[in-house]
Amino acid sequence: MDILLLLLGIGLAVSGAHYLVDGGSAIAKRYNIPTLVIGSTIVAFGTSMPEFTVNINSAINGNTDLAFGNIIGSNLFNICAIVGIVCLLTPIKVGRDTATKDLPMCLIAAAAVLICGNQIYFDHINYHELFLSDGLIFLFFFGIFMFYVYGEASAASSHHAKAMKRGLSSDGEKSHELMKSIGFVIVGLLGLVFGGGFIVDGASGIAKGFGMPERVIGLVIVGPGTSVPELITSIAAARRKDVGMVMGNVLGSNIFNIFFTLGATAIIMPIPLDLGLNTVLIINLAVTALLVAYVGLSKNKTLGRGIGALLLVVYIAYIAKSLMS
């Protein structure tokens, strides 16, 4: 049964990803919005729904160990495996906004969760968990991110608004195409959300059958499993040479996971940090800082096969260490 759930989830996720990329790209072109913006909002938030659902359910049921492992495992998979795989398929040209805003915000998120979860070291107190106050701060940062994204979208589509005033939006064929694109996005998101859920359930069932501990299941099964929608969506976008969608999807998803999902989870119930997770938190911060530095120092700001292979090696080494511990 678990294997059937896994296969069904993969099928739904693959189909959903294609519909989502096609619909999102069409909307971006219609309104002259950069695909980076679409990728970091509609696509990123949609593909992050499995992580959000898993975390909220975990918090309500009091299983917050899985909640933390899910998010950190997912984010490391996004930044290492997805970016690494896409870089091997096609070079990723990083835009100015990504280099100066999205990547640094992703780095802030990685640093924030490491610092806020380790009061035992920084404040010399006997607990280490995310509290209500941390959740509120995370949601505040998420609001800042959304304000920036809204500004980018408004600026990019300003000249399209003038065209709308001239009556272009009343064209029946264009309206039909818009509704079709929106329909693609909705169908794609549903496929990814349900597919991601089936993948997590199936993979978790298989892992428990082999006697894997809860922390390891969260890090190497549930986390990457909930990121399968991001992986499939990014590969689909890369095949269309839409690298803006790839980076928007990955970075937007990581920001959403920490600032919104962890923030909302911490408001429902404090999230204790297993100190064994500090290793992956440090790795996540290090690889994100590596990308920020690499893009900042690179003349053409392009992520090629070399950096992609390095990211994949780091992720494979992390998975191997986690399974052996």
Protein backbone atom coordinates (compact mmCIF):
# COMPACT_ATOMS: atom_id res chain seq x y z
CA MET A 1 0.00 0.00 0.00
CA ASP A 2 2.82 2.42 0.87
CA ILE A 3 4.52 1.75 -2.47
CA LEU A 4 1.25 2.43 -4.32
CA LEU A 5 0.83 5.71 -2.43
CA LEU A 6 4.38 6.68 -3.35
CA LEU A 7 3.87 5.93 -7.05
CA LEU A 8 0.50 7.71 -7.11
CA GLY A 9 2.04 10.75 -5.42
CA ILE A 10 4.90 10.92 -7.92
CA GLY A 11 2.44 10.73 -10.83
CA LEU A 12 0.26 13.51 -9.43
CA ALA A 13 3.27 15.69 -8.63
CA VAL A 14 4.78 15.31 -12.11
CA SER A 15 1.50 16.19 -13.83
CA GLY A 16 0.81 19.04 -11.42
CA ALA A 17 4.26 20.53 -11.96
CA HIS A 18 3.78 20.76 -15.72
CA TYR A 19 0.37 22.42 -15.36
CA LEU A 20 1.71 24.83 -12.73
CA VAL A 21 4.74 25.91 -14.77
CA ASP A 22 2.68 26.34 -17.94
CA GLY A 23 -0.03 28.35 -16.16
CA GLY A 24 2.39 30.44 -14.11
CA SER A 25 4.56 31.26 -17.13
CA ALA A 26 1.52 32.28 -19.17
CA ILE A 27 0.27 34.62 -16.42
CA ALA A 28 3.75 36.12 -16.04
CA LYS A 29 3.99 36.83 -19.77
CA ARG A 30 0.47 38.26 -19.96
CA TYR A 31 1.11 40.79 -17.19
CA ASN A 32 4.81 41.28 -17.93
CA ILE A 33 5.72 40.02 -14.45
CA PRO A 34 9.18 38.43 -14.14
CA THR A 35 8.94 34.66 -13.77
CA LEU A 36 11.18 35.05 -10.70
CA VAL A 37 8.29 36.82 -8.96
CA ILE A 38 5.77 34.16 -10.04
CA GLY A 39 8.22 31.48 -8.95
CA SER A 40 8.83 33.02 -5.52
CA THR A 41 5.12 33.52 -4.78
CA ILE A 42 2.47 31.36 -6.51
CA VAL A 43 4.80 28.50 -7.41
CA ALA A 44 6.94 28.56 -4.24
CA PHE A 45 3.99 28.84 -1.85
CA GLY A 46 2.02 26.22 -3.75
CA THR A 47 4.86 23.69 -3.78
CA SER A 48 5.48 24.42 -0.08
CA MET A 49 1.95 23.44 0.92
CA PRO A 50 3.00 19.85 1.75
CA GLU A 51 5.58 21.17 4.26
CA PHE A 52 3.02 23.56 5.71
CA THR A 53 0.37 20.85 6.04
CA VAL A 54 2.79 18.39 7.66
CA ASN A 55 3.98 21.00 10.17
CA ILE A 56 0.56 22.28 11.20
CA ASN A 57 -0.71 18.73 11.67
CA SER A 58 2.43 17.86 13.65
CA ALA A 59 2.01 20.90 15.91
CA ILE A 60 -1.68 20.18 16.54
CA ASN A 61 -0.83 16.57 17.39
CA GLY A 62 2.12 17.61 19.59
CA ASN A 63 4.74 15.96 17.35
CA THR A 64 7.01 18.98 16.92
CA ASP A 65 10.20 16.93 16.45
CA LEU A 66 8.94 15.93 13.02
CA ALA A 67 7.98 19.56 12.31
CA PHE A 68 11.53 20.88 12.72
CA GLY A 69 13.18 18.02 10.85
CA ASN A 70 10.68 18.37 8.02
CA ILE A 71 11.49 22.06 7.39
CA ILE A 72 15.27 21.81 7.72
CA GLY A 73 15.43 18.63 5.65
CA SER A 74 13.26 20.24 2.99
CA ASN A 75 15.30 23.46 2.83
CA LEU A 76 18.62 21.62 2.56
CA PHE A 77 17.16 19.46 -0.21
CA ASN A 78 15.99 22.59 -2.03
CA ILE A 79 19.28 24.46 -1.86
CA CYS A 80 21.58 21.48 -2.49
CA ALA A 81 19.75 18.80 -4.46
CA ILE A 82 17.37 20.92 -6.56
CA VAL A 83 19.80 23.72 -7.41
CA GLY A 84 22.54 21.12 -7.92
CA ILE A 85 20.48 18.98 -10.30
CA VAL A 86 19.21 21.97 -12.28
CA CYS A 87 22.75 23.37 -12.60
CA LEU A 88 23.85 20.06 -14.11
CA LEU A 89 20.99 20.28 -16.61
CA THR A 90 21.43 23.95 -17.54
CA PRO A 91 23.42 26.92 -16.16
CA ILE A 92 21.39 29.24 -13.93
CA LYS A 93 21.84 32.93 -14.64
CA VAL A 94 21.16 34.77 -11.38
CA GLY A 95 19.44 38.12 -11.82
CA ARG A 96 20.28 41.31 -9.94
CA ASP A 97 17.21 41.16 -7.69
CA THR A 98 17.92 37.54 -6.80
CA ALA A 99 21.54 38.33 -5.95
CA THR A 100 20.78 41.42 -3.86
CA LYS A 101 17.45 40.53 -2.23
CA ASP A 102 16.22 36.93 -2.50
CA LEU A 103 19.51 35.17 -1.74
CA PRO A 104 20.36 37.45 1.23
CA MET A 105 16.83 36.99 2.61
CA CYS A 106 17.27 33.23 2.31
CA LEU A 107 20.57 33.55 4.20
CA ILE A 108 18.88 35.60 6.95
CA ALA A 109 16.24 32.86 7.28
CA ALA A 110 18.89 30.15 7.63
CA ALA A 111 20.77 32.18 10.26
CA ALA A 112 17.60 33.15 12.15
CA VAL A 113 16.41 29.60 12.70
CA LEU A 114 19.88 28.52 13.88
CA ILE A 115 20.19 31.40 16.36
CA CYS A 116 16.59 31.34 17.66
CA GLY A 117 16.70 27.59 18.21
CA ASN A 118 19.92 27.65 20.25
CA GLN A 119 19.24 29.85 23.27
CA ILE A 120 21.07 27.20 25.30
CA TYR A 121 24.33 28.49 23.81
CA PHE A 122 23.61 32.15 23.09
CA ASP A 123 21.64 33.03 26.25
CA HIS A 124 23.00 30.28 28.53
CA ILE A 125 19.55 28.99 29.43
CA ASN A 126 18.40 25.40 29.82
CA TYR A 127 16.06 25.16 26.83
CA HIS A 128 16.41 25.46 23.10
CA GLU A 129 13.18 25.87 21.16
CA LEU A 130 11.20 28.28 19.04
CA PHE A 131 8.60 30.16 21.09
CA LEU A 132 5.63 32.38 20.27
CA SER A 133 7.91 35.45 20.17
CA ASP A 134 10.19 33.73 17.63
CA GLY A 135 7.17 32.82 15.54
CA LEU A 136 5.99 36.42 15.49
CA ILE A 137 9.45 37.64 14.44
CA PHE A 138 9.54 35.06 11.64
CA LEU A 139 6.12 36.19 10.39
CA PHE A 140 7.32 39.81 10.51
CA PHE A 141 10.25 38.92 8.23
CA PHE A 142 7.86 37.08 5.94
CA GLY A 143 5.79 40.26 5.70
CA ILE A 144 8.92 42.19 4.66
CA PHE A 145 9.62 39.61 1.96
CA MET A 146 6.07 39.82 0.64
CA PHE A 147 6.25 43.63 0.59
CA TYR A 148 9.38 43.45 -1.55
CA VAL A 149 7.82 40.90 -3.93
CA TYR A 150 4.68 43.02 -4.29
CA GLY A 151 6.82 46.04 -5.13
CA GLU A 152 8.72 44.10 -7.78
CA ALA A 153 5.53 42.80 -9.37
CA SER A 154 3.89 46.25 -9.37
CA ALA A 155 6.91 47.91 -10.96
CA ALA A 156 7.31 45.24 -13.63
CA SER A 157 3.67 45.31 -14.71
CA SER A 158 3.07 49.07 -14.61
CA HIS A 159 3.13 49.50 -18.36
CA HIS A 160 0.74 46.58 -18.76
CA ALA A 161 -1.80 48.44 -16.62
CA LYS A 162 -1.79 51.24 -19.18
CA ALA A 163 -2.53 48.71 -21.90
CA MET A 164 -5.42 47.37 -19.84
CA LYS A 165 -6.91 50.86 -19.68
CA ARG A 166 -6.84 51.00 -23.45
CA GLY A 167 -9.27 48.07 -23.47
CA LEU A 168 -6.95 45.17 -24.23
CA SER A 169 -8.30 43.24 -21.26
CA SER A 170 -11.77 43.17 -22.80
CA ASP A 171 -10.61 40.98 -25.65
CA GLY A 172 -12.56 37.72 -25.35
CA GLU A 173 -9.75 35.51 -26.56
CA LYS A 174 -7.25 37.03 -24.10
CA SER A 175 -9.73 36.66 -21.23
CA HIS A 176 -10.26 33.03 -22.19
CA GLU A 177 -6.50 32.46 -22.22
CA LEU A 178 -6.19 34.07 -18.78
CA MET A 179 -8.90 31.84 -17.30
CA LYS A 180 -7.22 28.82 -18.87
CA SER A 181 -3.87 29.82 -17.31
CA ILE A 182 -5.47 30.30 -13.90
CA GLY A 183 -7.12 26.90 -14.28
CA PHE A 184 -3.73 25.33 -15.06
CA VAL A 185 -2.25 26.90 -11.92
CA ILE A 186 -5.09 25.63 -9.72
CA VAL A 187 -4.97 22.11 -11.18
CA GLY A 188 -1.19 22.10 -10.89
CA LEU A 189 -1.23 23.20 -7.25
CA LEU A 190 -3.83 20.57 -6.36
CA GLY A 191 -1.76 17.89 -8.06
CA LEU A 192 1.38 18.99 -6.21
CA VAL A 193 -0.29 19.29 -2.81
CA PHE A 194 -2.04 15.92 -2.95
CA GLY A 195 0.87 14.27 -4.71
CA GLY A 196 3.31 15.60 -2.13
CA GLY A 197 1.09 14.31 0.67
CA PHE A 198 0.93 10.82 -0.87
CA ILE A 199 4.71 10.81 -1.37
CA VAL A 200 5.32 11.69 2.28
CA ASP A 201 2.81 9.11 3.55
CA GLY A 202 4.16 6.37 1.33
CA ALA A 203 7.84 7.09 1.99
CA SER A 204 7.28 7.46 5.75
CA GLY A 205 5.41 4.15 5.87
CA ILE A 206 8.25 2.41 4.05
CA ALA A 207 10.87 4.03 6.33
CA LYS A 208 9.01 3.05 9.51
CA GLY A 209 8.81 -0.47 8.18
CA PHE A 210 12.60 -0.52 8.19
CA GLY A 211 12.69 0.83 11.76
CA MET A 212 14.16 4.28 11.03
CA PRO A 213 14.03 6.77 13.96
CA GLU A 214 11.60 9.72 13.85
CA ARG A 215 14.33 12.38 13.57
CA VAL A 216 15.95 10.64 10.60
CA ILE A 217 12.55 10.14 8.93
CA GLY A 218 11.89 13.88 9.23
CA LEU A 219 15.29 14.85 7.83
CA VAL A 220 15.84 12.38 5.01
CA ILE A 221 12.32 11.13 4.17
CA VAL A 222 9.59 13.64 5.04
CA GLY A 223 11.71 16.78 4.38
CA PRO A 224 12.94 15.77 0.92
CA GLY A 225 9.59 14.07 0.24
CA THR A 226 7.66 17.30 0.75
CA SER A 227 10.19 18.99 -1.56
CA VAL A 228 9.51 16.64 -4.47
CA PRO A 229 6.98 19.17 -5.88
CA GLU A 230 9.72 21.84 -5.90
CA LEU A 231 12.13 19.41 -7.59
CA ILE A 232 9.71 18.38 -10.33
CA THR A 233 8.56 21.97 -10.89
CA SER A 234 12.17 23.19 -11.12
CA ILE A 235 13.16 20.48 -13.59
CA ALA A 236 10.09 21.28 -15.71
CA ALA A 237 11.01 24.98 -15.65
CA ALA A 238 14.66 24.24 -16.46
CA ARG A 239 13.63 22.20 -19.51
CA ARG A 240 11.76 25.29 -20.71
CA LYS A 241 14.92 27.35 -20.05
CA ASP A 242 12.94 29.35 -17.48
CA VAL A 243 15.71 29.66 -14.87
CA GLY A 244 14.01 32.62 -13.21
CA MET A 245 11.18 30.30 -12.21
CA VAL A 246 13.73 27.82 -10.80
CA MET A 247 15.48 30.27 -8.48
CA GLY A 248 12.23 31.94 -7.49
CA ASN A 249 10.74 28.55 -6.63
CA VAL A 250 13.70 27.35 -4.53
CA LEU A 251 14.46 30.58 -2.68
CA GLY A 252 10.83 31.52 -2.20
CA SER A 253 10.08 28.04 -0.86
CA ASN A 254 12.96 28.18 1.65
CA ILE A 255 11.88 31.62 2.86
CA PHE A 256 8.25 30.49 3.09
CA ASN A 257 9.22 27.31 4.98
CA ILE A 258 11.14 29.11 7.73
CA PHE A 259 9.47 32.49 8.09
CA PHE A 260 5.85 31.42 7.47
CA THR A 261 5.57 27.68 8.17
CA LEU A 262 7.88 27.58 11.20
CA GLY A 263 6.49 30.93 12.36
CA ALA A 264 2.90 29.68 12.22
CA THR A 265 3.89 26.38 13.85
CA ALA A 266 5.66 28.13 16.74
CA ILE A 267 2.54 30.22 17.39
CA ILE A 268 0.47 27.04 17.73
CA MET A 269 3.02 25.25 19.95
CA PRO A 270 6.69 25.82 20.92
CA ILE A 271 9.05 23.78 18.73
CA PRO A 272 11.96 22.15 20.63
CA LEU A 273 15.20 21.82 18.69
CA ASP A 274 16.90 18.45 18.95
CA LEU A 275 20.56 19.42 19.29
CA GLY A 276 21.33 16.66 16.81
CA LEU A 277 19.73 18.90 14.17
CA ASN A 278 22.37 21.59 14.65
CA THR A 279 24.64 19.86 12.16
CA VAL A 280 22.11 20.17 9.35
CA LEU A 281 21.28 23.75 10.41
CA ILE A 282 24.95 24.68 10.10
CA ILE A 283 25.24 22.92 6.73
CA ASN A 284 22.13 24.73 5.49
CA LEU A 285 23.58 28.09 6.58
CA ALA A 286 26.97 27.27 5.06
CA VAL A 287 25.70 26.27 1.60
CA THR A 288 23.36 29.27 1.48
CA ALA A 289 26.27 31.57 2.40
CA LEU A 290 28.35 29.81 -0.28
CA LEU A 291 25.75 30.64 -2.93
CA VAL A 292 25.53 34.26 -1.76
CA ALA A 293 29.34 34.62 -1.88
CA TYR A 294 29.68 32.77 -5.20
CA VAL A 295 27.06 34.91 -6.92
CA GLY A 296 28.44 38.09 -5.34
CA LEU A 297 32.01 37.40 -6.50
CA SER A 298 31.13 35.93 -9.89
CA LYS A 299 31.42 38.30 -12.84
CA ASN A 300 28.67 36.72 -14.93
CA LYS A 301 26.61 35.62 -11.89
CA THR A 302 25.97 32.18 -13.36
CA LEU A 303 25.69 28.93 -11.41
CA GLY A 304 27.28 26.24 -13.57
CA ARG A 305 27.97 22.51 -13.38
CA GLY A 306 30.89 22.94 -10.97
CA ILE A 307 28.88 24.55 -8.17
CA GLY A 308 25.98 22.19 -8.96
CA ALA A 309 28.18 19.11 -8.52
CA LEU A 310 29.57 20.51 -5.25
CA LEU A 311 26.08 21.07 -3.84
CA LEU A 312 25.05 17.52 -4.75
CA VAL A 313 28.17 16.04 -3.15
CA VAL A 314 27.43 17.95 0.07
CA TYR A 315 23.85 16.67 0.10
CA ILE A 316 24.81 13.05 -0.62
CA ALA A 317 27.43 13.18 2.17
CA TYR A 318 24.83 14.59 4.58
CA ILE A 319 22.30 11.86 3.70
CA ALA A 320 24.94 9.16 4.15
CA LYS A 321 25.96 10.55 7.55
CA SER A 322 22.32 10.81 8.69
CA LEU A 323 21.54 7.22 7.72
CA MET A 324 24.63 5.91 9.51
CA SER A 325 24.04 7.89 12.73
